[in-house]
Protein backbone atom coordinates (compact mmCIF):
# COMPACT_ATOMS: atom_id res chain seq x y z
CA UNK A 1 260.22 179.17 113.70
CA UNK A 2 258.54 180.32 116.90
CA UNK A 3 257.15 183.83 117.20
CA UNK A 4 257.31 186.45 119.94
CA UNK A 5 254.82 189.35 120.00
CA UNK A 6 255.81 192.39 122.07
CA UNK A 7 253.28 195.10 122.95
CA UNK A 8 254.60 198.62 123.45
CA UNK A 9 251.97 198.98 126.16
CA UNK A 10 251.51 202.69 126.78
CA UNK A 11 251.95 203.64 123.14
CA UNK A 12 249.40 201.00 122.17
CA UNK A 13 246.91 202.17 124.80
CA UNK A 14 247.32 205.84 123.87
CA UNK A 15 246.57 205.08 120.24
CA UNK A 16 243.49 203.05 121.17
CA UNK A 17 242.20 205.92 123.30
CA UNK A 18 242.56 208.51 120.57
CA UNK A 19 240.92 206.18 118.02
CA UNK A 20 237.72 206.03 120.13
CA UNK A 21 237.88 209.01 122.53
CA UNK A 22 234.11 209.46 123.03
CA UNK A 23 233.07 205.88 123.68
CA UNK A 24 231.43 205.32 127.10
CA UNK A 25 229.41 202.70 128.91
CA UNK A 26 225.91 203.27 130.29
CA UNK A 27 227.38 204.64 133.52
CA UNK A 28 229.30 207.29 131.60
CA UNK A 29 232.71 205.68 132.15
CA UNK A 30 235.04 206.15 129.14
CA UNK A 31 235.70 202.87 127.33
CA UNK A 32 237.44 203.70 124.03
CA UNK A 33 240.89 202.53 125.15
CA UNK A 34 239.73 199.29 126.75
CA UNK A 35 237.38 198.52 123.86
CA UNK A 36 240.25 198.80 121.37
CA UNK A 37 242.37 196.63 123.67
CA UNK A 38 239.68 193.93 123.91
CA UNK A 39 239.19 193.91 120.15
CA UNK A 40 242.93 193.47 119.63
CA UNK A 41 243.17 190.58 122.08
CA UNK A 42 240.17 188.87 120.48
CA UNK A 43 241.72 188.97 117.02
CA UNK A 44 245.30 188.26 118.10
CA UNK A 45 245.24 184.47 117.91
CA UNK A 46 242.87 184.32 114.91
CA UNK A 47 244.82 186.75 112.76
CA UNK A 48 248.41 186.14 113.79
CA UNK A 49 249.53 182.99 115.59
CA UNK A 50 252.14 183.70 118.25
CA UNK A 51 253.92 181.42 120.70
CA UNK A 52 255.11 184.07 123.12
CA UNK A 53 253.73 187.47 124.06
CA UNK A 54 254.44 190.09 126.70
CA UNK A 55 253.61 193.72 127.46
CA UNK A 56 256.59 196.07 127.78
CA UNK A 57 256.13 198.88 130.28
CA UNK A 58 258.06 202.02 131.18
CA UNK A 59 259.43 201.89 134.71
CA UNK A 60 258.00 204.50 137.07
CA UNK A 61 260.01 207.64 137.64
CA UNK A 62 263.01 208.93 135.73
CA UNK A 63 265.39 206.78 133.69
CA UNK A 64 268.97 206.97 132.52
CA UNK A 65 268.04 209.32 129.64
CA UNK A 66 267.11 211.99 132.18
CA UNK A 67 270.69 211.77 133.43
CA UNK A 68 271.90 212.44 129.89
CA UNK A 69 269.47 215.35 129.45
CA UNK A 70 267.26 216.61 132.27
CA UNK A 71 264.87 218.07 129.67
CA UNK A 72 264.13 214.67 128.13
CA UNK A 73 260.32 214.34 127.71
CA UNK A 74 259.91 217.46 129.89
CA UNK A 75 257.49 219.07 127.45
CA UNK A 76 254.89 216.29 127.43
CA UNK A 77 251.37 217.55 128.24
CA UNK A 78 249.18 215.96 130.89
CA UNK A 79 247.30 212.94 129.57
CA UNK A 80 243.52 213.38 129.10
CA UNK A 81 241.50 212.54 132.20
CA UNK A 82 239.43 209.90 130.40
CA UNK A 83 242.61 208.15 129.30
CA UNK A 84 244.02 208.14 132.83
CA UNK A 85 240.79 206.58 134.12
CA UNK A 86 241.12 203.64 131.73
CA UNK A 87 244.84 202.90 132.07
CA UNK A 88 244.59 201.10 135.46
CA UNK A 89 241.69 199.03 134.11
CA UNK A 90 243.60 198.00 130.98
CA UNK A 91 246.79 197.19 132.89
CA UNK A 92 244.86 195.08 135.42
CA UNK A 93 243.32 193.14 132.52
CA UNK A 94 246.76 192.10 131.25
CA UNK A 95 247.47 189.76 134.15
CA UNK A 96 243.82 188.78 134.64
CA UNK A 97 243.88 187.43 131.07
CA UNK A 98 247.04 185.44 131.79
CA UNK A 99 249.58 187.70 130.04
CA UNK A 100 252.83 189.01 131.50
CA UNK A 101 254.21 192.53 131.84
CA UNK A 102 257.88 193.41 131.99
CA UNK A 103 259.63 196.60 133.07
CA UNK A 104 263.08 197.42 134.43
CA UNK A 105 263.85 200.19 136.88
CA UNK A 106 265.74 203.05 135.22
CA UNK A 107 264.75 202.02 131.69
CA UNK A 108 261.93 202.59 129.23
CA UNK A 109 259.73 200.10 127.44
CA UNK A 110 261.82 200.70 124.29
CA UNK A 111 264.89 199.27 126.06
CA UNK A 112 262.92 196.28 127.32
CA UNK A 113 261.75 195.65 123.75
CA UNK A 114 265.28 196.01 122.34
CA UNK A 115 266.58 193.50 124.91
CA UNK A 116 263.83 191.03 124.05
CA UNK A 117 264.63 191.40 120.35
CA UNK A 118 268.30 190.66 121.04
CA UNK A 119 267.35 187.53 123.01
CA UNK A 120 264.91 186.37 120.32
CA UNK A 121 267.49 186.79 117.56
CA UNK A 122 269.98 184.74 119.55
CA UNK A 123 267.39 181.94 119.80
CA UNK A 124 266.05 182.11 116.23
CA UNK A 125 262.63 183.45 117.27
CA UNK A 126 260.67 185.76 114.97
CA UNK A 127 259.57 189.04 116.58
CA UNK A 128 256.55 191.20 115.95
CA UNK A 129 256.53 194.57 117.76
CA UNK A 130 253.08 196.14 118.19
CA UNK A 131 253.89 199.84 118.24
CA UNK A 132 253.92 203.09 116.28
CA UNK A 133 256.99 204.47 118.06
CA UNK A 134 259.48 205.57 115.42
CA UNK A 135 262.41 204.86 117.79
CA UNK A 136 261.58 201.16 117.52
CA UNK A 137 262.01 201.15 113.73
CA UNK A 138 265.73 200.76 114.54
CA UNK A 139 265.00 197.15 115.49
CA UNK A 140 263.44 196.06 112.20
CA UNK A 141 265.53 193.51 110.37
CA UNK A 142 265.86 189.82 109.65
CA UNK A 143 263.06 188.13 111.58
CA UNK A 144 261.87 191.38 113.22
CA UNK A 145 258.90 193.48 112.05
CA UNK A 146 256.74 196.26 113.45
CA UNK A 147 253.00 195.64 113.41
CA UNK A 148 250.18 198.14 112.93
CA UNK A 149 247.05 196.55 114.49
CA UNK A 150 244.74 199.20 113.00
CA UNK A 151 245.87 198.52 109.43
CA UNK A 152 246.76 194.89 110.20
CA UNK A 153 250.07 195.55 108.50
CA UNK A 154 253.57 194.16 109.11
CA UNK A 155 256.23 196.81 108.59
CA UNK A 156 259.54 195.47 107.30
CA UNK A 157 262.73 197.12 105.97
CA UNK A 158 261.12 198.25 102.73
CA UNK A 159 258.13 199.85 104.46
CA UNK A 160 260.49 201.53 106.92
CA UNK A 161 262.33 203.06 103.97
CA UNK A 162 259.02 204.04 102.38
CA UNK A 163 258.01 205.86 105.57
CA UNK A 164 261.28 207.62 106.48
CA UNK A 165 263.47 207.43 103.41
CA UNK A 166 266.10 205.49 105.37
CA UNK A 167 266.54 201.85 106.32
CA UNK A 168 266.28 200.63 109.96
CA UNK A 169 270.05 200.73 110.53
CA UNK A 170 269.97 204.48 109.83
CA UNK A 171 266.85 205.37 111.85
CA UNK A 172 268.83 206.27 114.98
CA UNK A 173 271.03 208.72 113.06
CA UNK A 174 268.00 210.05 111.20
CA UNK A 175 266.19 210.81 114.48
CA UNK A 176 269.34 212.35 115.97
CA UNK A 177 269.39 214.84 113.08
CA UNK A 178 265.70 215.76 112.87
CA UNK A 179 264.95 215.47 116.60
CA UNK A 180 261.67 214.40 118.17
CA UNK A 181 259.41 217.08 119.65
CA UNK A 182 257.26 214.47 121.45
CA UNK A 183 260.25 213.31 123.53
CA UNK A 184 261.99 216.70 123.57
CA UNK A 185 264.95 215.30 121.63
CA UNK A 186 266.55 218.45 120.15
CA UNK A 187 268.17 217.14 116.94
CA UNK A 188 269.98 219.67 114.74
CA UNK A 189 268.00 222.86 114.47
CA UNK A 190 267.03 223.55 110.86
CA UNK A 191 267.64 219.99 109.57
CA UNK A 192 264.40 218.36 108.45
CA UNK A 193 263.54 214.90 107.10
CA UNK A 194 264.66 215.64 103.53
CA UNK A 195 267.93 217.20 104.66
CA UNK A 196 268.63 214.33 107.05
CA UNK A 197 267.99 211.73 104.33
CA UNK A 198 270.29 213.53 101.92
CA UNK A 199 273.10 213.70 104.47
CA UNK A 200 272.75 210.04 105.43
CA UNK A 201 272.64 208.96 101.79
CA UNK A 202 275.98 210.65 101.34
CA UNK A 203 277.75 210.09 104.67
CA UNK A 204 275.94 207.03 106.16
CA UNK A 205 275.73 208.15 109.81
CA UNK A 206 276.14 211.14 112.15
CA UNK A 207 279.74 210.31 113.05
CA UNK A 208 280.82 210.31 109.39
CA UNK A 209 278.88 213.50 108.71
CA UNK A 210 280.95 215.34 111.30
CA UNK A 211 284.18 213.69 110.20
CA UNK A 212 283.50 215.06 106.71
CA UNK A 213 281.99 218.49 107.42
CA UNK A 214 284.35 220.06 104.92
CA UNK A 215 282.67 217.95 102.21
CA UNK A 216 279.17 219.30 102.95
CA UNK A 217 278.67 221.58 99.96
CA UNK A 218 275.57 223.50 101.06
CA UNK A 219 276.86 226.44 103.18
CA UNK A 220 273.62 226.76 105.18
CA UNK A 221 273.53 223.03 106.00
CA UNK A 222 277.20 223.10 106.98
CA UNK A 223 276.57 226.03 109.35
CA UNK A 224 273.54 224.32 110.90
CA UNK A 225 275.58 221.17 111.48
CA UNK A 226 278.44 223.12 113.05
CA UNK A 227 276.10 224.99 115.37
CA UNK A 228 274.15 221.84 116.21
CA UNK A 229 277.00 219.41 116.77
CA UNK A 230 276.49 219.11 120.51
CA UNK A 231 272.73 218.60 120.06
CA UNK A 232 273.31 215.99 117.36
CA UNK A 233 275.48 213.78 119.56
CA UNK A 234 273.25 214.37 122.59
CA UNK A 235 270.25 213.27 120.51
CA UNK A 236 272.16 210.26 119.24
CA UNK A 237 272.52 209.08 122.85
CA UNK A 238 268.90 209.83 123.73
CA UNK A 239 267.46 207.77 120.85
CA UNK A 240 269.88 204.87 121.35
CA UNK A 241 268.11 201.70 122.47
CA UNK A 242 269.82 199.72 125.23
CA UNK A 243 269.53 195.99 124.59
CA UNK A 244 271.53 194.80 127.59
CA UNK A 245 268.68 193.87 129.94
CA UNK A 246 268.53 190.19 130.89
CA UNK A 247 265.16 188.60 130.20
CA UNK A 248 266.35 185.02 129.80
CA UNK A 249 264.95 183.82 133.15
CA UNK A 250 261.53 185.29 132.39
CA UNK A 251 261.14 184.33 128.76
CA UNK A 252 259.36 181.01 129.29
CA UNK A 253 256.68 182.82 131.31
CA UNK A 254 255.76 184.73 128.14
CA UNK A 255 253.95 181.76 126.58
CA UNK A 256 250.63 182.77 125.03
CA UNK A 257 247.80 181.81 127.45
CA UNK A 258 245.71 178.79 126.54
CA UNK A 259 242.21 179.38 125.23
CA UNK A 260 240.65 182.79 124.60
CA UNK A 261 242.11 185.23 127.18
CA UNK A 262 239.01 187.44 127.10
CA UNK A 263 236.94 184.62 128.57
CA UNK A 264 238.81 185.24 131.84
CA UNK A 265 237.42 188.78 132.14
CA UNK A 266 233.80 188.39 130.95
CA UNK A 267 232.53 190.01 134.16
CA UNK A 268 234.64 193.08 133.36
CA UNK A 269 233.45 193.10 129.76
CA UNK A 270 229.86 193.05 131.03
CA UNK A 271 230.63 195.83 133.51
CA UNK A 272 231.88 198.08 130.72
CA UNK A 273 229.02 197.20 128.30
CA UNK A 274 231.21 195.51 125.69
CA UNK A 275 228.27 193.73 124.10
CA UNK A 276 229.89 193.31 120.68
CA UNK A 277 232.90 191.49 122.14
CA UNK A 278 230.68 189.35 124.37
CA UNK A 279 228.60 188.42 121.34
CA UNK A 280 231.73 187.41 119.40
CA UNK A 281 232.72 185.26 122.37
CA UNK A 282 229.24 183.68 122.16
CA UNK A 283 228.78 184.64 125.80
CA UNK A 284 225.29 185.23 127.16
CA UNK A 285 225.36 187.89 129.87
CA UNK A 286 223.82 186.95 133.17
CA UNK A 287 220.20 188.03 133.29
CA UNK A 288 219.71 190.26 136.26
CA UNK A 289 216.47 190.23 138.16
CA UNK A 290 215.67 193.82 137.38
CA UNK A 291 212.35 193.90 139.22
CA UNK A 292 213.72 194.11 142.79
CA UNK A 293 216.40 196.62 141.74
CA UNK A 294 213.89 198.93 140.06
CA UNK A 295 210.93 198.45 142.36
CA UNK A 296 209.64 200.87 144.96
CA UNK A 297 206.41 201.52 146.85
CA UNK A 298 204.59 204.76 145.97
CA UNK A 299 202.69 206.04 149.03
CA UNK A 300 200.00 208.73 148.99
CA UNK A 301 200.06 211.05 152.00
CA UNK A 302 196.67 212.73 151.65
CA UNK A 303 196.12 213.83 155.25
CA UNK A 304 198.04 215.91 157.76
CA UNK A 305 198.33 212.91 160.10
CA UNK A 306 199.84 210.62 157.48
CA UNK A 307 202.24 213.34 156.32
CA UNK A 308 203.67 214.27 159.71
CA UNK A 309 203.88 210.67 160.85
CA UNK A 310 206.60 210.35 158.17
CA UNK A 311 208.08 213.87 158.29
CA UNK A 312 208.49 214.19 162.07
CA UNK A 313 211.23 211.56 162.15
CA UNK A 314 213.49 213.47 159.72
CA UNK A 315 216.86 214.65 161.04
CA UNK A 316 219.21 217.31 159.66
CA UNK A 317 221.71 214.69 158.54
CA UNK A 318 219.09 212.77 156.51
CA UNK A 319 219.28 212.87 152.72
CA UNK A 320 215.89 213.57 151.14
CA UNK A 321 215.04 213.57 147.44
CA UNK A 322 212.47 216.29 146.69
CA UNK A 323 210.33 217.18 143.67
CA UNK A 324 207.31 219.38 142.96
CA UNK A 325 204.34 219.03 140.64
CA UNK A 326 202.81 222.23 139.27
CA UNK A 327 200.37 223.75 136.80
CA UNK A 328 203.08 224.84 134.34
CA UNK A 329 206.73 225.36 133.48
CA UNK A 330 206.86 229.15 134.02
CA UNK A 331 207.94 229.49 137.65
CA UNK A 332 206.59 233.04 137.84
CA UNK A 333 203.05 231.85 137.02
CA UNK A 334 202.91 228.17 138.03
CA UNK A 335 201.05 227.08 141.16
CA UNK A 336 202.12 224.07 143.18
CA UNK A 337 199.81 221.06 142.90
CA UNK A 338 201.76 218.68 145.14
CA UNK A 339 205.23 217.52 146.11
CA UNK A 340 207.01 214.20 146.43
CA UNK A 341 209.95 213.02 148.50
CA UNK A 342 212.00 209.90 149.21
CA UNK A 343 214.31 209.03 152.09
CA UNK A 344 215.41 205.62 150.79
CA UNK A 345 215.08 203.63 147.58
CA UNK A 346 212.34 201.28 148.76
CA UNK A 347 209.49 203.79 148.97
CA UNK A 348 208.59 207.33 147.92
CA UNK A 349 205.75 209.64 148.96
CA UNK A 350 203.42 212.05 147.22
CA UNK A 351 201.62 214.87 149.01
CA UNK A 352 198.65 216.29 147.03
CA UNK A 353 197.80 219.92 147.72
CA UNK A 354 195.74 221.43 144.90
CA UNK A 355 194.36 218.78 142.54
CA UNK A 356 191.16 220.05 141.03
CA UNK A 357 188.68 217.71 139.40
CA UNK A 358 185.23 216.32 140.11
CA UNK A 359 185.34 213.75 142.91
CA UNK A 360 188.91 214.54 144.05
CA UNK A 361 189.80 212.89 147.36
CA UNK A 362 191.35 214.28 150.53
CA UNK A 363 194.40 216.57 150.22
CA UNK A 364 196.81 218.35 152.55
CA UNK A 365 196.15 222.07 152.98
CA UNK A 366 198.79 224.64 151.97
CA UNK A 367 199.65 225.62 155.54
CA UNK A 368 200.46 222.04 156.54
CA UNK A 369 202.28 221.52 153.23
CA UNK A 370 204.43 224.57 153.98
CA UNK A 371 205.36 223.23 157.43
CA UNK A 372 206.26 219.87 155.90
CA UNK A 373 208.49 221.45 153.25
CA UNK A 374 210.18 223.59 155.88
CA UNK A 375 210.94 220.39 157.78
CA UNK A 376 212.33 218.70 154.64
CA UNK A 377 214.48 221.76 153.93
CA UNK A 378 216.25 221.37 157.29
CA UNK A 379 217.71 218.14 155.83
CA UNK A 380 220.19 217.58 153.02
CA UNK A 381 218.16 217.76 149.80
CA UNK A 382 218.78 216.23 146.38
CA UNK A 383 216.68 216.46 143.24
CA UNK A 384 216.52 216.77 139.47
CA UNK A 385 216.55 220.39 138.26
CA UNK A 386 216.19 221.75 141.79
CA UNK A 387 216.47 225.30 140.51
CA UNK A 388 212.90 224.95 139.24
CA UNK A 389 211.56 223.27 142.40
CA UNK A 390 213.21 225.83 144.70
CA UNK A 391 211.72 228.70 142.65
CA UNK A 392 208.25 227.10 142.88
CA UNK A 393 208.56 226.69 146.66
CA UNK A 394 209.80 230.25 147.10
CA UNK A 395 207.04 231.74 144.94
CA UNK A 396 204.26 229.63 146.50
CA UNK A 397 205.37 229.49 150.14
CA UNK A 398 208.11 232.10 150.61
CA UNK A 399 210.56 229.34 151.66
CA UNK A 400 214.20 229.29 150.48
CA UNK A 401 216.76 226.48 150.62
CA UNK A 402 220.20 228.07 150.52
CA UNK A 403 222.62 225.27 151.38
CA UNK A 404 223.13 221.51 151.71
CA UNK A 405 221.58 220.48 148.42
CA UNK A 406 222.74 218.79 145.20
CA UNK A 407 221.20 218.54 141.74
CA UNK A 408 221.41 215.21 139.90
CA UNK A 409 221.09 217.06 136.59
CA UNK A 410 224.32 218.91 137.38
CA UNK A 411 226.08 215.71 138.47
CA UNK A 412 225.09 214.02 135.20
CA UNK A 413 226.27 217.02 133.15
CA UNK A 414 229.65 217.03 134.91
CA UNK A 415 230.02 213.34 134.12
CA UNK A 416 229.32 213.85 130.41
CA UNK A 417 228.29 217.28 129.09
CA UNK A 418 227.50 215.87 125.65
CA UNK A 419 224.73 213.44 126.66
CA UNK A 420 221.10 214.04 127.61
CA UNK A 421 220.62 214.91 131.29
CA UNK A 422 216.82 214.66 131.45
CA UNK A 423 215.45 212.37 134.17
CA UNK A 424 213.92 209.89 131.70
CA UNK A 425 217.18 209.60 129.76
CA UNK A 426 219.28 209.19 132.91
CA UNK A 427 216.95 206.50 134.29
CA UNK A 428 217.25 204.56 131.05
CA UNK A 429 221.02 205.00 130.77
CA UNK A 430 221.98 204.11 134.34
CA UNK A 431 219.22 201.69 135.38
CA UNK A 432 217.63 200.55 132.11
CA UNK A 433 214.38 201.84 133.62
CA UNK A 434 211.46 203.35 131.74
CA UNK A 435 209.91 206.28 133.60
CA UNK A 436 206.18 207.03 133.43
CA UNK A 437 205.79 209.65 130.69
CA UNK A 438 204.17 213.01 131.49
CA UNK A 439 202.03 212.80 128.35
CA UNK A 440 200.65 209.45 129.53
CA UNK A 441 199.46 211.01 132.79
CA UNK A 442 198.36 214.53 131.84
CA UNK A 443 195.65 214.84 129.20
CA UNK A 444 195.71 217.21 126.23
CA UNK A 445 195.02 220.83 127.21
CA UNK A 446 195.17 219.87 130.91
CA UNK A 447 197.72 220.35 133.70
CA UNK A 448 198.83 218.24 136.64
CA UNK A 449 195.96 219.45 138.86
CA UNK A 450 193.58 217.42 136.69
CA UNK A 451 195.43 214.12 137.27
CA UNK A 452 193.77 211.53 139.54
CA UNK A 453 195.52 211.26 142.92
CA UNK A 454 196.49 207.61 142.46
CA UNK A 455 198.06 208.29 139.04
CA UNK A 456 199.70 211.46 140.35
CA UNK A 457 201.18 209.51 143.26
CA UNK A 458 202.81 206.97 140.97
CA UNK A 459 204.19 209.60 138.57
CA UNK A 460 205.42 212.10 141.18
CA UNK A 461 206.84 209.68 143.73
CA UNK A 462 208.71 207.94 140.92
CA UNK A 463 210.51 211.22 140.18
CA UNK A 464 211.70 211.56 143.78
CA UNK A 465 212.67 207.89 143.98
CA UNK A 466 214.67 208.02 140.75
CA UNK A 467 216.37 211.27 141.79
CA UNK A 468 217.59 209.57 144.96
CA UNK A 469 218.82 206.51 143.04
CA UNK A 470 220.67 208.78 140.60
CA UNK A 471 222.31 210.75 143.38
CA UNK A 472 223.52 207.52 145.01
CA UNK A 473 224.85 206.39 141.62
CA UNK A 474 226.55 209.61 140.54
CA UNK A 475 227.90 211.07 143.76
């Protein structure tokens, strides 16, 4: 007997997202949903052989159930932002891997699935439905099971009864009585799962319950049923699955793709840092030449002439990364030692002002440094923790930058408030780059003014260069 696997696409994706809601790649993009999806596809052929497979989708816009009840699914909350970011990625993967999607205007995925089950039964094909949607339990029967990919469990008639207390043929009536808050199906107010089971055990279905209301012995239950009659029959229509859609001309296109489907999207798996899946595929990621990407030229501007030869060309529309080096962290007491800046990602500059050690070389005086910073501040400025740098500049030079600036620390925090937003951590996360450590440059019981100009140039200009790279990455 051949086998058809049907994926209840959005339900499956939602469950994957909530199983791994905090998973992200090195760029901070959420990856829980797509990671769960990739894991499922990898194991699909190994764990459960299938001849046919397709992904059932809800059609866009309203469907016929909204004509029955305009409040249908009206209470659903907005999906989490991280989930919405991943849905287009996951859906694009379906066809890239060689699978097929199917939707029908005016209908939901449940109706597509019910129609496929009808077709499969007519052609003696076993069906496995990958879903947790209780509406679909109606379809379980001879040759048709639900499948829980988390538990790797096939759900048949007996497990349906174990879960709900009713068999698949009674699930529709059961849901019509208890309602479904997720879909805004009203049910009969006051009738819960136990009450619904008891009524169905005695009267079989909703129609027979109402034909025999006089035989309902519990006065409260009888009253609830009388008051909820309209809701009961409305709900019965809302949870009914329509199996009339014609999929016969598409069925042969649902053949399972040859080979391992994930091998068709290895570039995407690399992009989203799915190293575990790539390892299982025995795929070796392409080795990038990291040196050109993470290489820049640090330039020491130790005279007025060198400094203004660079600065004089700056225009208001230019984007300049800016950073200061000081004698301490307390902005009320710290003195500026030098500043760095970068206009592009190929070179960065350091301007020494107040280094103080035996044999120190030429430096720019404070008056010329002030003029240079004033020139930089006419441009658009970016930096890491600019609040500190702006306070240093204000306290040391009386200069304020009030507009046209952006802090990479803030951009990183907005992207993911739970992860480290220090410059070293961000450089490692986004560029796999190791920054020069402060402790490796500044000796014990010393401050930055004691650092040799050449070492200071490398350390400080690197900060400005990385801040510019981060801004370009995060903005």
